[in-house]
PDB file of N, CA and C in Angstrom:
ATOM      1  N   SER A   1     119.370   3.779 -93.131  1.00  0.00           N
ATOM      2  CA  SER A   1     120.392   3.882 -92.091  1.00  0.00           C
ATOM      3  C   SER A   1     120.361   5.262 -91.434  1.00  0.00           C
ATOM      4  N   GLY A   2     120.130   6.313 -92.238  1.00  0.00           N
ATOM      5  CA  GLY A   2     120.082   7.667 -91.707  1.00  0.00           C
ATOM      6  C   GLY A   2     118.918   7.866 -90.755  1.00  0.00           C
ATOM      7  N   ILE A   3     117.752   7.285 -91.100  1.00  0.00           N
ATOM      8  CA  ILE A   3     116.577   7.396 -90.240  1.00  0.00           C
ATOM      9  C   ILE A   3     116.817   6.644 -88.943  1.00  0.00           C
ATOM     10  N   MET A   4     117.438   5.477 -89.037  1.00  0.00           N
ATOM     11  CA  MET A   4     117.734   4.682 -87.849  1.00  0.00           C
ATOM     12  C   MET A   4     118.691   5.441 -86.930  1.00  0.00           C
ATOM     13  N   ALA A   5     119.699   6.089 -87.506  1.00  0.00           N
ATOM     14  CA  ALA A   5     120.656   6.859 -86.705  1.00  0.00           C
ATOM     15  C   ALA A   5     119.958   8.027 -86.026  1.00  0.00           C
ATOM     16  N   LEU A   6     119.044   8.701 -86.753  1.00  0.00           N
ATOM     17  CA  LEU A   6     118.307   9.816 -86.184  1.00  0.00           C
ATOM     18  C   LEU A   6     117.409   9.342 -85.054  1.00  0.00           C
ATOM     19  N   ARG A   7     116.748   8.221 -85.251  1.00  0.00           N
ATOM     20  CA  ARG A   7     115.896   7.656 -84.212  1.00  0.00           C
ATOM     21  C   ARG A   7     116.719   7.334 -82.962  1.00  0.00           C
ATOM     22  N   LYS A   8     117.873   6.759 -83.173  1.00  0.00           N
ATOM     23  CA  LYS A   8     118.743   6.396 -82.059  1.00  0.00           C
ATOM     24  C   LYS A   8     119.243   7.642 -81.333  1.00  0.00           C
ATOM     25  N   LEU A   9     119.532   8.700 -82.090  1.00  0.00           N
ATOM     26  CA  LEU A   9     120.011   9.943 -81.497  1.00  0.00           C
ATOM     27  C   LEU A   9     118.942  10.593 -80.632  1.00  0.00           C
ATOM     28  N   ASN A  10     117.675  10.493 -81.043  1.00  0.00           N
ATOM     29  CA  ASN A  10     116.587  11.110 -80.291  1.00  0.00           C
ATOM     30  C   ASN A  10     116.092  10.245 -79.144  1.00  0.00           C
ATOM     31  N   ALA A  11     116.539   9.019 -79.070  1.00  0.00           N
ATOM     32  CA  ALA A  11     116.099   8.110 -78.012  1.00  0.00           C
ATOM     33  C   ALA A  11     116.644   8.560 -76.657  1.00  0.00           C
ATOM     34  N   ASP A  12     116.016   8.074 -75.615  1.00  0.00           N
ATOM     35  CA  ASP A  12     116.466   8.359 -74.252  1.00  0.00           C
ATOM     36  C   ASP A  12     117.891   7.821 -74.087  1.00  0.00           C
ATOM     37  N   PRO A  13     118.842   8.682 -73.693  1.00  0.00           N
ATOM     38  CA  PRO A  13     120.230   8.222 -73.573  1.00  0.00           C
ATOM     39  C   PRO A  13     120.431   7.158 -72.500  1.00  0.00           C
ATOM     40  N   PHE A  14     119.494   7.016 -71.580  1.00  0.00           N
ATOM     41  CA  PHE A  14     119.629   6.006 -70.534  1.00  0.00           C
ATOM     42  C   PHE A  14     119.183   4.619 -71.002  1.00  0.00           C
ATOM     43  N   THR A  15     118.747   4.492 -72.256  1.00  0.00           N
ATOM     44  CA  THR A  15     118.336   3.177 -72.761  1.00  0.00           C
ATOM     45  C   THR A  15     119.496   2.415 -73.393  1.00  0.00           C
ATOM     46  N   THR A  16     120.613   3.104 -73.665  1.00  0.00           N
ATOM     47  CA  THR A  16     121.776   2.421 -74.234  1.00  0.00           C
ATOM     48  C   THR A  16     122.544   1.714 -73.124  1.00  0.00           C
ATOM     49  N   ARG A  17     123.420   0.819 -73.493  1.00  0.00           N
ATOM     50  CA  ARG A  17     124.222   0.086 -72.501  1.00  0.00           C
ATOM     51  C   ARG A  17     125.031   1.051 -71.636  1.00  0.00           C
ATOM     52  N   VAL A  18     125.770   1.961 -72.264  1.00  0.00           N
ATOM     53  CA  VAL A  18     126.583   2.896 -71.502  1.00  0.00           C
ATOM     54  C   VAL A  18     125.703   3.887 -70.749  1.00  0.00           C
ATOM     55  N   GLY A  19     124.564   4.253 -71.323  1.00  0.00           N
ATOM     56  CA  GLY A  19     123.640   5.162 -70.643  1.00  0.00           C
ATOM     57  C   GLY A  19     123.090   4.568 -69.356  1.00  0.00           C
ATOM     58  N   LYS A  20     122.760   3.280 -69.415  1.00  0.00           N
ATOM     59  CA  LYS A  20     122.276   2.588 -68.208  1.00  0.00           C
ATOM     60  C   LYS A  20     123.364   2.559 -67.131  1.00  0.00           C
ATOM     61  N   LEU A  21     124.602   2.331 -67.564  1.00  0.00           N
ATOM     62  CA  LEU A  21     125.710   2.313 -66.604  1.00  0.00           C
ATOM     63  C   LEU A  21     125.934   3.698 -65.983  1.00  0.00           C
ATOM     64  N   VAL A  22     125.841   4.745 -66.799  1.00  0.00           N
ATOM     65  CA  VAL A  22     125.969   6.112 -66.283  1.00  0.00           C
ATOM     66  C   VAL A  22     124.856   6.379 -65.270  1.00  0.00           C
ATOM     67  N   ALA A  23     123.641   6.003 -65.613  1.00  0.00           N
ATOM     68  CA  ALA A  23     122.511   6.206 -64.700  1.00  0.00           C
ATOM     69  C   ALA A  23     122.725   5.461 -63.384  1.00  0.00           C
ATOM     70  N   ASN A  24     123.176   4.217 -63.456  1.00  0.00           N
ATOM     71  CA  ASN A  24     123.411   3.429 -62.241  1.00  0.00           C
ATOM     72  C   ASN A  24     124.541   4.011 -61.393  1.00  0.00           C
ATOM     73  N   ALA A  25     125.581   4.513 -62.048  1.00  0.00           N
ATOM     74  CA  ALA A  25     126.735   5.053 -61.326  1.00  0.00           C
ATOM     75  C   ALA A  25     126.419   6.386 -60.660  1.00  0.00           C
ATOM     76  N   THR A  26     125.396   7.089 -61.155  1.00  0.00           N
ATOM     77  CA  THR A  26     125.124   8.438 -60.647  1.00  0.00           C
ATOM     78  C   THR A  26     123.766   8.558 -59.969  1.00  0.00           C
ATOM     79  N   VAL A  27     123.150   7.446 -59.643  1.00  0.00           N
ATOM     80  CA  VAL A  27     121.841   7.483 -58.992  1.00  0.00           C
ATOM     81  C   VAL A  27     121.980   8.104 -57.595  1.00  0.00           C
ATOM     82  N   GLY A  28     121.025   8.937 -57.241  1.00  0.00           N
ATOM     83  CA  GLY A  28     121.103   9.718 -56.012  1.00  0.00           C
ATOM     84  C   GLY A  28     121.056   8.944 -54.719  1.00  0.00           C
ATOM     85  N   THR A  29     120.771   7.661 -54.760  1.00  0.00           N
ATOM     86  CA  THR A  29     120.738   6.873 -53.529  1.00  0.00           C
ATOM     87  C   THR A  29     122.143   6.491 -53.053  1.00  0.00           C
ATOM     88  N   GLN A  30     123.138   6.675 -53.926  1.00  0.00           N
ATOM     89  CA  GLN A  30     124.524   6.380 -53.535  1.00  0.00           C
ATOM     90  C   GLN A  30     125.132   7.594 -52.834  1.00  0.00           C
ATOM     91  N   THR A  31     126.022   7.328 -51.904  1.00  0.00           N
ATOM     92  CA  THR A  31     126.679   8.432 -51.203  1.00  0.00           C
ATOM     93  C   THR A  31     127.972   8.860 -51.885  1.00  0.00           C
ATOM     94  N   SER A  32     128.583   7.935 -52.622  1.00  0.00           N
ATOM     95  CA  SER A  32     129.813   8.275 -53.349  1.00  0.00           C
ATOM     96  C   SER A  32     129.884   7.422 -54.611  1.00  0.00           C
ATOM     97  N   LEU A  33     130.750   7.843 -55.521  1.00  0.00           N
ATOM     98  CA  LEU A  33     130.908   7.122 -56.778  1.00  0.00           C
ATOM     99  C   LEU A  33     131.563   5.771 -56.522  1.00  0.00           C
ATOM    100  N   SER A  34     130.913   4.740 -56.988  1.00  0.00           N
ATOM    101  CA  SER A  34     131.445   3.389 -56.856  1.00  0.00           C
ATOM    102  C   SER A  34     132.591   3.195 -57.846  1.00  0.00           C
ATOM    103  N   PRO A  35     133.783   2.819 -57.375  1.00  0.00           N
ATOM    104  CA  PRO A  35     134.893   2.569 -58.290  1.00  0.00           C
ATOM    105  C   PRO A  35     134.583   1.454 -59.285  1.00  0.00           C
ATOM    106  N   ILE A  36     133.821   0.471 -58.859  1.00  0.00           N
ATOM    107  CA  ILE A  36     133.460  -0.638 -59.742  1.00  0.00           C
ATOM    108  C   ILE A  36     132.553  -0.140 -60.871  1.00  0.00           C
ATOM    109  N   LEU A  37     131.519   0.629 -60.511  1.00  0.00           N
ATOM    110  CA  LEU A  37     130.619   1.160 -61.539  1.00  0.00           C
ATOM    111  C   LEU A  37     131.348   2.126 -62.465  1.00  0.00           C
ATOM    112  N   ALA A  38     132.242   2.936 -61.907  1.00  0.00           N
ATOM    113  CA  ALA A  38     133.012   3.872 -62.731  1.00  0.00           C
ATOM    114  C   ALA A  38     133.879   3.113 -63.740  1.00  0.00           C
ATOM    115  N   THR A  39     134.480   2.026 -63.299  1.00  0.00           N
ATOM    116  CA  THR A  39     135.295   1.205 -64.197  1.00  0.00           C
ATOM    117  C   THR A  39     134.431   0.573 -65.288  1.00  0.00           C
ATOM    118  N   LEU A  40     133.243   0.108 -64.920  1.00  0.00           N
ATOM    119  CA  LEU A  40     132.329  -0.458 -65.915  1.00  0.00           C
ATOM    120  C   LEU A  40     131.927   0.593 -66.953  1.00  0.00           C
ATOM    121  N   VAL A  41     131.693   1.832 -66.506  1.00  0.00           N
ATOM    122  CA  VAL A  41     131.365   2.913 -67.432  1.00  0.00           C
ATOM    123  C   VAL A  41     132.540   3.153 -68.379  1.00  0.00           C
ATOM    124  N   CYS A  42     133.746   3.216 -67.832  1.00  0.00           N
ATOM    125  CA  CYS A  42     134.945   3.434 -68.659  1.00  0.00           C
ATOM    126  C   CYS A  42     135.109   2.317 -69.689  1.00  0.00           C
ATOM    127  N   ASP A  43     134.947   1.090 -69.249  1.00  0.00           N
ATOM    128  CA  ASP A  43     135.063  -0.049 -70.172  1.00  0.00           C
ATOM    129  C   ASP A  43     134.018   0.046 -71.281  1.00  0.00           C
ATOM    130  N   ALA A  44     132.796   0.443 -70.920  1.00  0.00           N
ATOM    131  CA  ALA A  44     131.730   0.572 -71.913  1.00  0.00           C
ATOM    132  C   ALA A  44     132.032   1.705 -72.897  1.00  0.00           C
ATOM    133  N   ILE A  45     132.534   2.826 -72.394  1.00  0.00           N
ATOM    134  CA  ILE A  45     132.877   3.954 -73.261  1.00  0.00           C
ATOM    135  C   ILE A  45     133.947   3.549 -74.259  1.00  0.00           C
ATOM    136  N   ASN A  46     134.900   2.761 -73.817  1.00  0.00           N
ATOM    137  CA  ASN A  46     136.004   2.338 -74.678  1.00  0.00           C
ATOM    138  C   ASN A  46     135.655   1.143 -75.570  1.00  0.00           C
ATOM    139  N   SER A  47     134.432   0.627 -75.463  1.00  0.00           N
ATOM    140  CA  SER A  47     134.091  -0.621 -76.148  1.00  0.00           C
ATOM    141  C   SER A  47     133.749  -0.467 -77.631  1.00  0.00           C
ATOM    142  N   ASN A  48     133.228   0.685 -78.039  1.00  0.00           N
ATOM    143  CA  ASN A  48     132.872   0.861 -79.457  1.00  0.00           C
ATOM    144  C   ASN A  48     132.816   2.342 -79.813  1.00  0.00           C
ATOM    145  N   GLU A  49     132.676   2.628 -81.095  1.00  0.00           N
ATOM    146  CA  GLU A  49     132.733   4.005 -81.585  1.00  0.00           C
ATOM    147  C   GLU A  49     131.562   4.856 -81.125  1.00  0.00           C
ATOM    148  N   GLN A  50     130.405   4.275 -80.941  1.00  0.00           N
ATOM    149  CA  GLN A  50     129.209   5.034 -80.561  1.00  0.00           C
ATOM    150  C   GLN A  50     129.147   5.323 -79.064  1.00  0.00           C
ATOM    151  N   ALA A  51     129.805   4.514 -78.258  1.00  0.00           N
ATOM    152  CA  ALA A  51     129.705   4.623 -76.801  1.00  0.00           C
ATOM    153  C   ALA A  51     130.131   5.983 -76.235  1.00  0.00           C
ATOM    154  N   PRO A  52     131.217   6.614 -76.721  1.00  0.00           N
ATOM    155  CA  PRO A  52     131.553   7.934 -76.174  1.00  0.00           C
ATOM    156  C   PRO A  52     130.422   8.951 -76.355  1.00  0.00           C
ATOM    157  N   TRP A  53     129.787   8.946 -77.521  1.00  0.00           N
ATOM    158  CA  TRP A  53     128.667   9.856 -77.778  1.00  0.00           C
ATOM    159  C   TRP A  53     127.516   9.561 -76.813  1.00  0.00           C
ATOM    160  N   GLU A  54     127.222   8.287 -76.628  1.00  0.00           N
ATOM    161  CA  GLU A  54     126.127   7.885 -75.744  1.00  0.00           C
ATOM    162  C   GLU A  54     126.413   8.283 -74.301  1.00  0.00           C
ATOM    163  N   ALA A  55     127.654   8.138 -73.879  1.00  0.00           N
ATOM    164  CA  ALA A  55     128.017   8.506 -72.506  1.00  0.00           C
ATOM    165  C   ALA A  55     127.858  10.004 -72.279  1.00  0.00           C
ATOM    166  N   VAL A  56     128.320  10.806 -73.230  1.00  0.00           N
ATOM    167  CA  VAL A  56     128.205  12.263 -73.089  1.00  0.00           C
ATOM    168  C   VAL A  56     126.734  12.675 -73.069  1.00  0.00           C
ATOM    169  N   ARG A  57     125.922  12.072 -73.911  1.00  0.00           N
ATOM    170  CA  ARG A  57     124.485  12.380 -73.903  1.00  0.00           C
ATOM    171  C   ARG A  57     123.844  12.004 -72.571  1.00  0.00           C
ATOM    172  N   ALA A  58     124.230  10.870 -72.017  1.00  0.00           N
ATOM    173  CA  ALA A  58     123.673  10.439 -70.734  1.00  0.00           C
ATOM    174  C   ALA A  58     124.124  11.372 -69.607  1.00  0.00           C
ATOM    175  N   LEU A  59     125.390  11.761 -69.614  1.00  0.00           N
ATOM    176  CA  LEU A  59     125.881  12.687 -68.591  1.00  0.00           C
ATOM    177  C   LEU A  59     125.205  14.049 -68.709  1.00  0.00           C
ATOM    178  N   LYS A  60     125.020  14.495 -69.928  1.00  0.00           N
ATOM    179  CA  LYS A  60     124.351  15.782 -70.145  1.00  0.00           C
ATOM    180  C   LYS A  60     122.930  15.735 -69.597  1.00  0.00           C
ATOM    181  N   LYS A  61     122.230  14.643 -69.877  1.00  0.00           N
ATOM    182  CA  LYS A  61     120.857  14.514 -69.388  1.00  0.00           C
ATOM    183  C   LYS A  61     120.833  14.432 -67.859  1.00  0.00           C
ATOM    184  N   ARG A  62     121.781  13.727 -67.282  1.00  0.00           N
ATOM    185  CA  ARG A  62     121.803  13.564 -65.830  1.00  0.00           C
ATOM    186  C   ARG A  62     122.044  14.901 -65.116  1.00  0.00           C
ATOM    187  N   VAL A  63     122.882  15.745 -65.690  1.00  0.00           N
ATOM    188  CA  VAL A  63     123.245  17.001 -65.026  1.00  0.00           C
ATOM    189  C   VAL A  63     122.279  18.133 -65.367  1.00  0.00           C
ATOM    190  N   SER A  64     121.821  18.197 -66.595  1.00  0.00           N
ATOM    191  CA  SER A  64     120.973  19.307 -67.045  1.00  0.00           C
ATOM    192  C   SER A  64     119.626  19.308 -66.329  1.00  0.00           C
ATOM    193  N   ARG A  65     119.283  20.446 -65.806  1.00  0.00           N
ATOM    194  CA  ARG A  65     117.982  20.662 -65.141  1.00  0.00           C
ATOM    195  C   ARG A  65     117.711  19.654 -64.030  1.00  0.00           C
ATOM    196  N   ASN A  66     118.749  19.163 -63.415  1.00  0.00           N
ATOM    197  CA  ASN A  66     118.606  18.211 -62.315  1.00  0.00           C
ATOM    198  C   ASN A  66     118.695  18.976 -61.005  1.00  0.00           C
ATOM    199  N   ARG A  67     117.742  18.785 -60.150  1.00  0.00           N
ATOM    200  CA  ARG A  67     117.735  19.475 -58.846  1.00  0.00           C
ATOM    201  C   ARG A  67     118.353  18.610 -57.740  1.00  0.00           C
ATOM    202  N   ASN A  68     118.696  17.374 -58.080  1.00  0.00           N
ATOM    203  CA  ASN A  68     119.281  16.465 -57.097  1.00  0.00           C
ATOM    204  C   ASN A  68     120.793  16.705 -57.067  1.00  0.00           C
ATOM    205  N   HIS A  69     121.237  17.423 -56.050  1.00  0.00           N
ATOM    206  CA  HIS A  69     122.653  17.794 -55.968  1.00  0.00           C
ATOM    207  C   HIS A  69     123.563  16.586 -55.832  1.00  0.00           C
ATOM    208  N   ARG A  70     123.079  15.533 -55.213  1.00  0.00           N
ATOM    209  CA  ARG A  70     123.903  14.324 -55.079  1.00  0.00           C
ATOM    210  C   ARG A  70     124.156  13.702 -56.450  1.00  0.00           C
ATOM    211  N   GLU A  71     123.131  13.649 -57.291  1.00  0.00           N
ATOM    212  CA  GLU A  71     123.309  13.088 -58.637  1.00  0.00           C
ATOM    213  C   GLU A  71     124.251  13.952 -59.465  1.00  0.00           C
ATOM    214  N   ILE A  72     124.174  15.253 -59.298  1.00  0.00           N
ATOM    215  CA  ILE A  72     125.093  16.154 -59.999  1.00  0.00           C
ATOM    216  C   ILE A  72     126.518  15.913 -59.520  1.00  0.00           C
ATOM    217  N   ARG A  73     126.692  15.811 -58.223  1.00  0.00           N
ATOM    218  CA  ARG A  73     128.016  15.574 -57.639  1.00  0.00           C
ATOM    219  C   ARG A  73     128.596  14.251 -58.144  1.00  0.00           C
ATOM    220  N   LEU A  74     127.784  13.208 -58.152  1.00  0.00           N
ATOM    221  CA  LEU A  74     128.235  11.898 -58.639  1.00  0.00           C
ATOM    222  C   LEU A  74     128.573  11.964 -60.129  1.00  0.00           C
ATOM    223  N   SER A  75     127.784  12.706 -60.887  1.00  0.00           N
ATOM    224  CA  SER A  75     128.046  12.847 -62.326  1.00  0.00           C
ATOM    225  C   SER A  75     129.371  13.553 -62.571  1.00  0.00           C
ATOM    226  N   LEU A  76     129.645  14.592 -61.799  1.00  0.00           N
ATOM    227  CA  LEU A  76     130.912  15.306 -61.942  1.00  0.00           C
ATOM    228  C   LEU A  76     132.087  14.421 -61.543  1.00  0.00           C
ATOM    229  N   ALA A  77     131.899  13.607 -60.509  1.00  0.00           N
ATOM    230  CA  ALA A  77     132.947  12.660 -60.111  1.00  0.00           C
ATOM    231  C   ALA A  77     133.174  11.632 -61.220  1.00  0.00           C
ATOM    232  N   LEU A  78     132.093  11.205 -61.866  1.00  0.00           N
ATOM    233  CA  LEU A  78     132.230  10.251 -62.967  1.00  0.00           C
ATOM    234  C   LEU A  78     132.935  10.895 -64.156  1.00  0.00           C
ATOM    235  N   VAL A  79     132.624  12.152 -64.446  1.00  0.00           N
ATOM    236  CA  VAL A  79     133.330  12.866 -65.521  1.00  0.00           C
ATOM    237  C   VAL A  79     134.823  12.912 -65.210  1.00  0.00           C
ATOM    238  N   GLU A  80     135.153  13.243 -63.969  1.00  0.00           N
ATOM    239  CA  GLU A  80     136.567  13.314 -63.573  1.00  0.00           C
ATOM    240  C   GLU A  80     137.263  11.973 -63.774  1.00  0.00           C
ATOM    241  N   LYS A  81     136.611  10.893 -63.378  1.00  0.00           N
ATOM    242  CA  LYS A  81     137.196   9.558 -63.522  1.00  0.00           C
ATOM    243  C   LYS A  81     137.321   9.155 -64.991  1.00  0.00           C
ATOM    244  N   THR A  82     136.271   9.391 -65.770  1.00  0.00           N
ATOM    245  CA  THR A  82     136.281   8.937 -67.160  1.00  0.00           C
ATOM    246  C   THR A  82     137.248   9.735 -68.017  1.00  0.00           C
ATOM    247  N   VAL A  83     137.445  11.001 -67.709  1.00  0.00           N
ATOM    248  CA  VAL A  83     138.406  11.806 -68.472  1.00  0.00           C
ATOM    249  C   VAL A  83     139.803  11.199 -68.348  1.00  0.00           C
ATOM    250  N   ARG A  84     140.107  10.649 -67.186  1.00  0.00           N
ATOM    251  CA  ARG A  84     141.426  10.047 -66.960  1.00  0.00           C
ATOM    252  C   ARG A  84     141.565   8.666 -67.591  1.00  0.00           C
ATOM    253  N   CYS A  85     140.444   7.990 -67.808  1.00  0.00           N
ATOM    254  CA  CYS A  85     140.517   6.580 -68.221  1.00  0.00           C
ATOM    255  C   CYS A  85     139.972   6.281 -69.609  1.00  0.00           C
ATOM    256  N   CYS A  86     139.385   7.253 -70.258  1.00  0.00           N
ATOM    257  CA  CYS A  86     138.766   6.986 -71.562  1.00  0.00           C
ATOM    258  C   CYS A  86     139.534   7.686 -72.670  1.00  0.00           C
ATOM    259  N   GLY A  87     139.247   7.306 -73.869  1.00  0.00           N
ATOM    260  CA  GLY A  87     140.013   7.754 -75.021  1.00  0.00           C
ATOM    261  C   GLY A  87     139.810   9.197 -75.437  1.00  0.00           C
ATOM    262  N   HIS A  88     140.562   9.553 -76.467  1.00  0.00           N
ATOM    263  CA  HIS A  88     140.587  10.918 -76.991  1.00  0.00           C
ATOM    264  C   HIS A  88     139.224  11.362 -77.520  1.00  0.00           C
ATOM    265  N   VAL A  89     138.507  10.474 -78.185  1.00  0.00           N
ATOM    266  CA  VAL A  89     137.203  10.836 -78.753  1.00  0.00           C
ATOM    267  C   VAL A  89     136.253  11.276 -77.645  1.00  0.00           C
ATOM    268  N   TYR A  90     136.186  10.501 -76.581  1.00  0.00           N
ATOM    269  CA  TYR A  90     135.315  10.832 -75.445  1.00  0.00           C
ATOM    270  C   TYR A  90     135.719  12.177 -74.835  1.00  0.00           C
ATOM    271  N   CYS A  91     136.990  12.353 -74.588  1.00  0.00           N
ATOM    272  CA  CYS A  91     137.469  13.603 -73.974  1.00  0.00           C
ATOM    273  C   CYS A  91     137.174  14.804 -74.868  1.00  0.00           C
ATOM    274  N   SER A  92     137.348  14.647 -76.166  1.00  0.00           N
ATOM    275  CA  SER A  92     137.070  15.762 -77.066  1.00  0.00           C
ATOM    276  C   SER A  92     135.581  16.079 -77.099  1.00  0.00           C
ATOM    277  N   LEU A  93     134.730  15.083 -76.962  1.00  0.00           N
ATOM    278  CA  LEU A  93     133.282  15.331 -76.890  1.00  0.00           C
ATOM    279  C   LEU A  93     132.918  16.092 -75.621  1.00  0.00           C
ATOM    280  N   LEU A  94     133.554  15.735 -74.519  1.00  0.00           N
ATOM    281  CA  LEU A  94     133.297  16.447 -73.266  1.00  0.00           C
ATOM    282  C   LEU A  94     133.763  17.898 -73.327  1.00  0.00           C
ATOM    283  N   MET A  95     134.835  18.136 -74.057  1.00  0.00           N
ATOM    284  CA  MET A  95     135.395  19.484 -74.111  1.00  0.00           C
ATOM    285  C   MET A  95     134.729  20.374 -75.154  1.00  0.00           C
ATOM    286  N   ARG A  96     133.791  19.833 -75.879  1.00  0.00           N
ATOM    287  CA  ARG A  96     133.073  20.647 -76.864  1.00  0.00           C
ATOM    288  C   ARG A  96     132.317  21.760 -76.157  1.00  0.00           C
ATOM    289  N   ARG A  97     132.178  22.829 -76.883  1.00  0.00           N
ATOM    290  CA  ARG A  97     131.515  24.010 -76.327  1.00  0.00           C
ATOM    291  C   ARG A  97     130.117  23.678 -75.807  1.00  0.00           C
ATOM    292  N   GLU A  98     129.375  22.825 -76.515  1.00  0.00           N
ATOM    293  CA  GLU A  98     128.007  22.522 -76.108  1.00  0.00           C
ATOM    294  C   GLU A  98     127.958  21.903 -74.715  1.00  0.00           C
ATOM    295  N   PHE A  99     128.862  20.995 -74.441  1.00  0.00           N
ATOM    296  CA  PHE A  99     128.845  20.354 -73.126  1.00  0.00           C
ATOM    297  C   PHE A  99     129.343  21.312 -72.054  1.00  0.00           C
ATOM    298  N   VAL A 100     130.438  21.982 -72.323  1.00  0.00           N
ATOM    299  CA  VAL A 100     131.016  22.891 -71.319  1.00  0.00           C
ATOM    300  C   VAL A 100     130.061  24.044 -71.035  1.00  0.00           C
ATOM    301  N   ARG A 101     129.550  24.682 -72.087  1.00  0.00           N
ATOM    302  CA  ARG A 101     128.684  25.846 -71.914  1.00  0.00           C
ATOM    303  C   ARG A 101     127.292  25.442 -71.430  1.00  0.00           C
ATOM    304  N   ASP A 102     126.708  24.446 -72.080  1.00  0.00           N
ATOM    305  CA  ASP A 102     125.316  24.098 -71.803  1.00  0.00           C
ATOM    306  C   ASP A 102     125.133  23.279 -70.532  1.00  0.00           C
ATOM    307  N   VAL A 103     126.180  22.625 -70.093  1.00  0.00           N
ATOM    308  CA  VAL A 103     126.036  21.761 -68.920  1.00  0.00           C
ATOM    309  C   VAL A 103     126.878  22.282 -67.750  1.00  0.00           C
ATOM    310  N   LEU A 104     128.179  22.301 -67.923  1.00  0.00           N
ATOM    311  CA  LEU A 104     129.063  22.649 -66.803  1.00  0.00           C
ATOM    312  C   LEU A 104     128.954  24.114 -66.385  1.00  0.00           C
ATOM    313  N   ALA A 105     128.956  25.037 -67.328  1.00  0.00           N
ATOM    314  CA  ALA A 105     128.893  26.456 -66.979  1.00  0.00           C
ATOM    315  C   ALA A 105     127.585  26.804 -66.288  1.00  0.00           C
ATOM    316  N   LYS A 106     126.504  26.154 -66.674  1.00  0.00           N
ATOM    317  CA  LYS A 106     125.213  26.437 -66.042  1.00  0.00           C
ATOM    318  C   LYS A 106     125.188  26.040 -64.567  1.00  0.00           C
ATOM    319  N   LEU A 107     126.010  25.075 -64.198  1.00  0.00           N
ATOM    320  CA  LEU A 107     126.067  24.677 -62.791  1.00  0.00           C
ATOM    321  C   LEU A 107     126.555  25.817 -61.903  1.00  0.00           C
ATOM    322  N   LEU A 108     127.306  26.733 -62.479  1.00  0.00           N
ATOM    323  CA  LEU A 108     127.893  27.826 -61.704  1.00  0.00           C
ATOM    324  C   LEU A 108     126.998  29.055 -61.616  1.00  0.00           C
ATOM    325  N   LYS A 109     125.931  29.101 -62.372  1.00  0.00           N
ATOM    326  CA  LYS A 109     125.053  30.269 -62.361  1.00  0.00           C
ATOM    327  C   LYS A 109     124.338  30.372 -61.017  1.00  0.00           C
ATOM    328  N   PRO A 110     124.291  31.566 -60.454  1.00  0.00           N
ATOM    329  CA  PRO A 110     123.667  31.748 -59.133  1.00  0.00           C
ATOM    330  C   PRO A 110     122.201  31.335 -59.069  1.00  0.00           C
ATOM    331  N   LYS A 111     121.472  31.449 -60.174  1.00  0.00           N
ATOM    332  CA  LYS A 111     120.040  31.131 -60.114  1.00  0.00           C
ATOM    333  C   LYS A 111     119.760  29.660 -59.817  1.00  0.00           C
ATOM    334  N   TYR A 112     120.770  28.804 -59.972  1.00  0.00           N
ATOM    335  CA  TYR A 112     120.563  27.382 -59.709  1.00  0.00           C
ATOM    336  C   TYR A 112     120.841  27.009 -58.251  1.00  0.00           C
ATOM    337  N   HIS A 113     121.397  27.917 -57.481  1.00  0.00           N
ATOM    338  CA  HIS A 113     121.620  27.715 -56.043  1.00  0.00           C
ATOM    339  C   HIS A 113     122.294  26.386 -55.718  1.00  0.00           C
ATOM    340  N   ARG A 114     123.396  26.112 -56.381  1.00  0.00           N
ATOM    341  CA  ARG A 114     124.129  24.875 -56.126  1.00  0.00           C
ATOM    342  C   ARG A 114     124.965  25.030 -54.855  1.00  0.00           C
ATOM    343  N   PRO A 115     125.127  23.960 -54.098  1.00  0.00           N
ATOM    344  CA  PRO A 115     126.010  24.010 -52.933  1.00  0.00           C
ATOM    345  C   PRO A 115     127.452  24.302 -53.380  1.00  0.00           C
ATOM    346  N   PRO A 116     128.244  24.928 -52.508  1.00  0.00           N
ATOM    347  CA  PRO A 116     129.638  25.256 -52.885  1.00  0.00           C
ATOM    348  C   PRO A 116     130.459  24.068 -53.338  1.00  0.00           C
ATOM    349  N   ASP A 117     130.248  22.871 -52.762  1.00  0.00           N
ATOM    350  CA  ASP A 117     131.051  21.717 -53.166  1.00  0.00           C
ATOM    351  C   ASP A 117     130.732  21.277 -54.589  1.00  0.00           C
ATOM    352  N   VAL A 118     129.525  21.510 -55.061  1.00  0.00           N
ATOM    353  CA  VAL A 118     129.193  21.195 -56.459  1.00  0.00           C
ATOM    354  C   VAL A 118     129.850  22.213 -57.374  1.00  0.00           C
ATOM    355  N   GLN A 119     129.891  23.481 -56.958  1.00  0.00           N
ATOM    356  CA  GLN A 119     130.484  24.528 -57.765  1.00  0.00           C
ATOM    357  C   GLN A 119     132.005  24.376 -57.877  1.00  0.00           C
ATOM    358  N   ASP A 120     132.627  23.773 -56.875  1.00  0.00           N
ATOM    359  CA  ASP A 120     134.080  23.548 -56.922  1.00  0.00           C
ATOM    360  C   ASP A 120     134.391  22.520 -57.950  1.00  0.00           C
TER     361      ASP A 120
END
């Protein structure tokens, strides 16, 4: 069971059900966050104990080292929506130092040249 959990943890976060939904909701071809897709992501996050972890991993992957500002913007909009609609476990995972420091704080660093609306 431990090896299986480790394998699952190292897998691509976009291969899980919630990861696929996060990827679809934040794909750069969209101009704005779809309320329907955002609701599907929220429902998936709230569906089981593993889903909040999977969602945070997928969001981290989508934002980290991504040069597509639209995908970053959509991901931040999805974070805003899911924080309001998902449970305590998910919110506490988002507020962990690793996510805030390693993902959100890096968006503000000047070397990444993010547009002002992404930095807001």
